[in-house]
Structure formats: C-alpha cells, structure tokens
C-alpha atoms as a PDB file:
ATOM      1  CA  MET A   1       0.000   0.000   0.000  1.00  0.00           C
ATOM      2  CA  LYS A   2       1.290   3.437  -0.907  1.00  0.00           C
ATOM      3  CA  ILE A   3       0.248   6.644   0.841  1.00  0.00           C
ATOM      4  CA  ASP A   4       0.757   9.693  -1.358  1.00  0.00           C
ATOM      5  CA  LYS A   5      -0.613  12.571   0.675  1.00  0.00           C
ATOM      6  CA  VAL A   6      -2.373  13.365   3.900  1.00  0.00           C
ATOM      7  CA  ALA A   7      -6.125  13.638   3.500  1.00  0.00           C
ATOM      8  CA  GLY A   8      -7.668  16.825   4.764  1.00  0.00           C
ATOM      9  CA  GLY A   9      -4.917  19.343   4.494  1.00  0.00           C
ATOM     10  CA  HIS A  10      -1.312  20.331   4.491  1.00  0.00           C
ATOM     11  CA  VAL A  11       1.167  19.270   7.169  1.00  0.00           C
ATOM     12  CA  PRO A  12       3.450  22.234   7.959  1.00  0.00           C
ATOM     13  CA  GLN A  13       7.196  21.758   7.657  1.00  0.00           C
ATOM     14  CA  THR A  14       9.391  22.341  10.696  1.00  0.00           C
ATOM     15  CA  ASN A  15      12.246  24.779  10.276  1.00  0.00           C
ATOM     16  CA  PHE A  16      15.303  23.253  11.965  1.00  0.00           C
ATOM     17  CA  SER A  17      17.587  26.159  11.116  1.00  0.00           C
ATOM     18  CA  GLN A  18      16.434  28.287  14.081  1.00  0.00           C
ATOM     19  CA  SER A  19      19.103  29.596  16.373  1.00  0.00           C
ATOM     20  CA  LYS A  20      19.484  27.943  19.767  1.00  0.00           C
ATOM     21  CA  THR A  21      18.413  31.091  21.601  1.00  0.00           C
ATOM     22  CA  GLN A  22      15.091  31.158  19.789  1.00  0.00           C
ATOM     23  CA  ALA A  23      14.489  27.475  20.443  1.00  0.00           C
ATOM     24  CA  THR A  24      15.166  27.729  24.171  1.00  0.00           C
ATOM     25  CA  ALA A  25      13.106  30.904  24.532  1.00  0.00           C
ATOM     26  CA  GLU A  26      10.092  29.157  23.019  1.00  0.00           C
ATOM     27  CA  ALA A  27      10.513  25.914  24.951  1.00  0.00           C
ATOM     28  CA  PRO A  28       7.910  25.376  27.682  1.00  0.00           C
ATOM     29  CA  THR A  29       9.148  25.499  31.235  1.00  0.00           C
ATOM     30  CA  ARG A  30       8.699  22.413  33.389  1.00  0.00           C
ATOM     31  CA  THR A  31       8.224  22.275  37.097  1.00  0.00           C
ATOM     32  CA  SER A  32      10.538  19.725  38.623  1.00  0.00           C
ATOM     33  CA  THR A  33       9.216  17.102  40.989  1.00  0.00           C
ATOM     34  CA  THR A  34      11.504  15.974  43.724  1.00  0.00           C
ATOM     35  CA  GLU A  35      12.720  12.404  43.569  1.00  0.00           C
ATOM     36  CA  THR A  36      11.240  11.658  46.999  1.00  0.00           C
ATOM     37  CA  ALA A  37       7.751  12.848  46.070  1.00  0.00           C
ATOM     38  CA  PHE A  38       7.902  10.855  42.856  1.00  0.00           C
ATOM     39  CA  ASN A  39       8.944   7.688  44.702  1.00  0.00           C
ATOM     40  CA  ALA A  40       6.203   8.204  47.322  1.00  0.00           C
ATOM     41  CA  ASN A  41       3.566   8.531  44.598  1.00  0.00           C
ATOM     42  CA  THR A  42       4.893   5.468  42.807  1.00  0.00           C
ATOM     43  CA  ALA A  43       4.907   3.441  46.020  1.00  0.00           C
ATOM     44  CA  ALA A  44       1.311   4.464  46.784  1.00  0.00           C
ATOM     45  CA  LEU A  45       0.203   3.495  43.288  1.00  0.00           C
ATOM     46  CA  ASP A  46       2.014   0.165  43.476  1.00  0.00           C
ATOM     47  CA  LYS A  47       0.358  -0.608  46.825  1.00  0.00           C
ATOM     48  CA  ALA A  48      -3.106   0.320  45.518  1.00  0.00           C
ATOM     49  CA  GLN A  49      -2.627  -1.804  42.394  1.00  0.00           C
ATOM     50  CA  ALA A  50      -1.517  -4.787  44.485  1.00  0.00           C
ATOM     51  CA  GLU A  51      -4.576  -4.471  46.753  1.00  0.00           C
ATOM     52  CA  LEU A  52      -6.885  -4.089  43.789  1.00  0.00           C
ATOM     53  CA  SER A  53      -5.470  -7.094  41.963  1.00  0.00           C
ATOM     54  CA  ALA A  54      -5.942  -9.219  45.108  1.00  0.00           C
ATOM     55  CA  MET A  55      -9.659  -8.401  45.200  1.00  0.00           C
ATOM     56  CA  PRO A  56     -12.105 -10.535  43.224  1.00  0.00           C
ATOM     57  CA  ASN A  57     -13.829  -8.835  40.296  1.00  0.00           C
ATOM     58  CA  VAL A  58     -17.308  -9.802  41.508  1.00  0.00           C
ATOM     59  CA  ASP A  59     -18.512 -10.978  44.926  1.00  0.00           C
ATOM     60  CA  MET A  60     -20.252 -14.117  43.709  1.00  0.00           C
ATOM     61  CA  ALA A  61     -21.703 -14.857  47.177  1.00  0.00           C
ATOM     62  CA  LYS A  62     -23.648 -11.579  47.090  1.00  0.00           C
ATOM     63  CA  VAL A  63     -24.724 -12.188  43.501  1.00  0.00           C
ATOM     64  CA  GLU A  64     -26.047 -15.632  44.426  1.00  0.00           C
ATOM     65  CA  ALA A  65     -27.848 -14.278  47.516  1.00  0.00           C
ATOM     66  CA  VAL A  66     -29.611 -11.588  45.459  1.00  0.00           C
ATOM     67  CA  ARG A  67     -30.423 -14.099  42.706  1.00  0.00           C
ATOM     68  CA  ASN A  68     -31.993 -16.494  45.246  1.00  0.00           C
ATOM     69  CA  ALA A  69     -33.951 -13.697  46.935  1.00  0.00           C
ATOM     70  CA  LEU A  70     -35.339 -12.581  43.561  1.00  0.00           C
ATOM     71  CA  ALA A  71     -36.277 -16.160  42.624  1.00  0.00           C
ATOM     72  CA  LYS A  72     -38.104 -16.679  45.951  1.00  0.00           C
ATOM     73  CA  GLY A  73     -39.924 -13.346  45.669  1.00  0.00           C
ATOM     74  CA  GLU A  74     -38.239 -12.026  48.820  1.00  0.00           C
ATOM     75  CA  LEU A  75     -36.761  -9.073  47.009  1.00  0.00           C
ATOM     76  CA  GLY A  76     -38.818  -6.758  44.848  1.00  0.00           C
ATOM     77  CA  LEU A  77     -37.390  -5.363  41.652  1.00  0.00           C
ATOM     78  CA  ASP A  78     -38.536  -1.933  40.497  1.00  0.00           C
ATOM     79  CA  VAL A  79     -37.799  -2.247  36.785  1.00  0.00           C
ATOM     80  CA  LYS A  80     -38.690   1.390  36.077  1.00  0.00           C
ATOM     81  CA  ALA A  81     -36.304   2.737  38.745  1.00  0.00           C
ATOM     82  CA  LEU A  82     -33.574   0.376  37.576  1.00  0.00           C
ATOM     83  CA  SER A  83     -33.937   1.403  33.929  1.00  0.00           C
ATOM     84  CA  GLN A  84     -33.902   5.099  34.860  1.00  0.00           C
ATOM     85  CA  ALA A  85     -30.740   4.604  36.921  1.00  0.00           C
ATOM     86  CA  VAL A  86     -29.063   2.758  34.048  1.00  0.00           C
ATOM     87  CA  MET A  87     -30.000   5.523  31.601  1.00  0.00           C
ATOM     88  CA  ARG A  88     -28.740   8.256  33.946  1.00  0.00           C
ATOM     89  CA  PHE A  89     -25.451   6.401  34.415  1.00  0.00           C
ATOM     90  CA  HIS A  90     -24.821   5.729  30.730  1.00  0.00           C
ATOM     91  CA  THR A  91     -25.847   9.181  29.503  1.00  0.00           C
ATOM     92  CA  GLY A  92     -23.775  11.003  32.127  1.00  0.00           C
ATOM     93  CA  HIS A  93     -26.745  12.649  33.830  1.00  0.00           C
ATOM     94  CA  GLU A  94     -26.287  11.205  37.284  1.00  0.00           C
ATOM     95  CA  SER A  95     -26.094  13.692  40.105  1.00  0.00           C
END
C-alpha cells in the first residue's frame, strides 16, 4: 500500500535552522518534581494496584444471595427505577 498525501490538508514543515536562543526561549518550562515525592507517589500506586489485583472482580456470594432472593420473591425489583438509573449512568446525567 502506498500513501501519497495526507487527507484533509497540508502538514506544515518544521524549520530546523532556528538559532538555539530562539528554540530555548520558546521551549515550555517544566516544574521539577523531587525524587522523593515521585517515589512516594509510585509506592502508593504500586500498593493500591496490588490491593486491587488481590480483590475478586465480583462478589459471587452476594450475587447468588440476590439471585436467590429474587427467585423466591423475597426481594422486589422496580424495573422502572432500575432502567432510569441505568440511563442516567450511561448518559452522564447522574447527580
């Protein structure tokens, strides 16, 4: 397959012949993060990921209890309220 041109417009060319002073003046400034703060954040994320991976995806005991309660008629199901909650969640209109 051969690609001849970019659809939708022109891709501007970069001029590499700029002087170094112009390039550094236009470069964005970065705020430096200390090594300690970075390591603390990384350690916290690693710990949270380890705890999360140890948890089961679904509590099947609760699922089975609700399923049995529904089958026995011990738990009512408001289909209208459930459908409204699902619609609010999936359309981003939950408050």
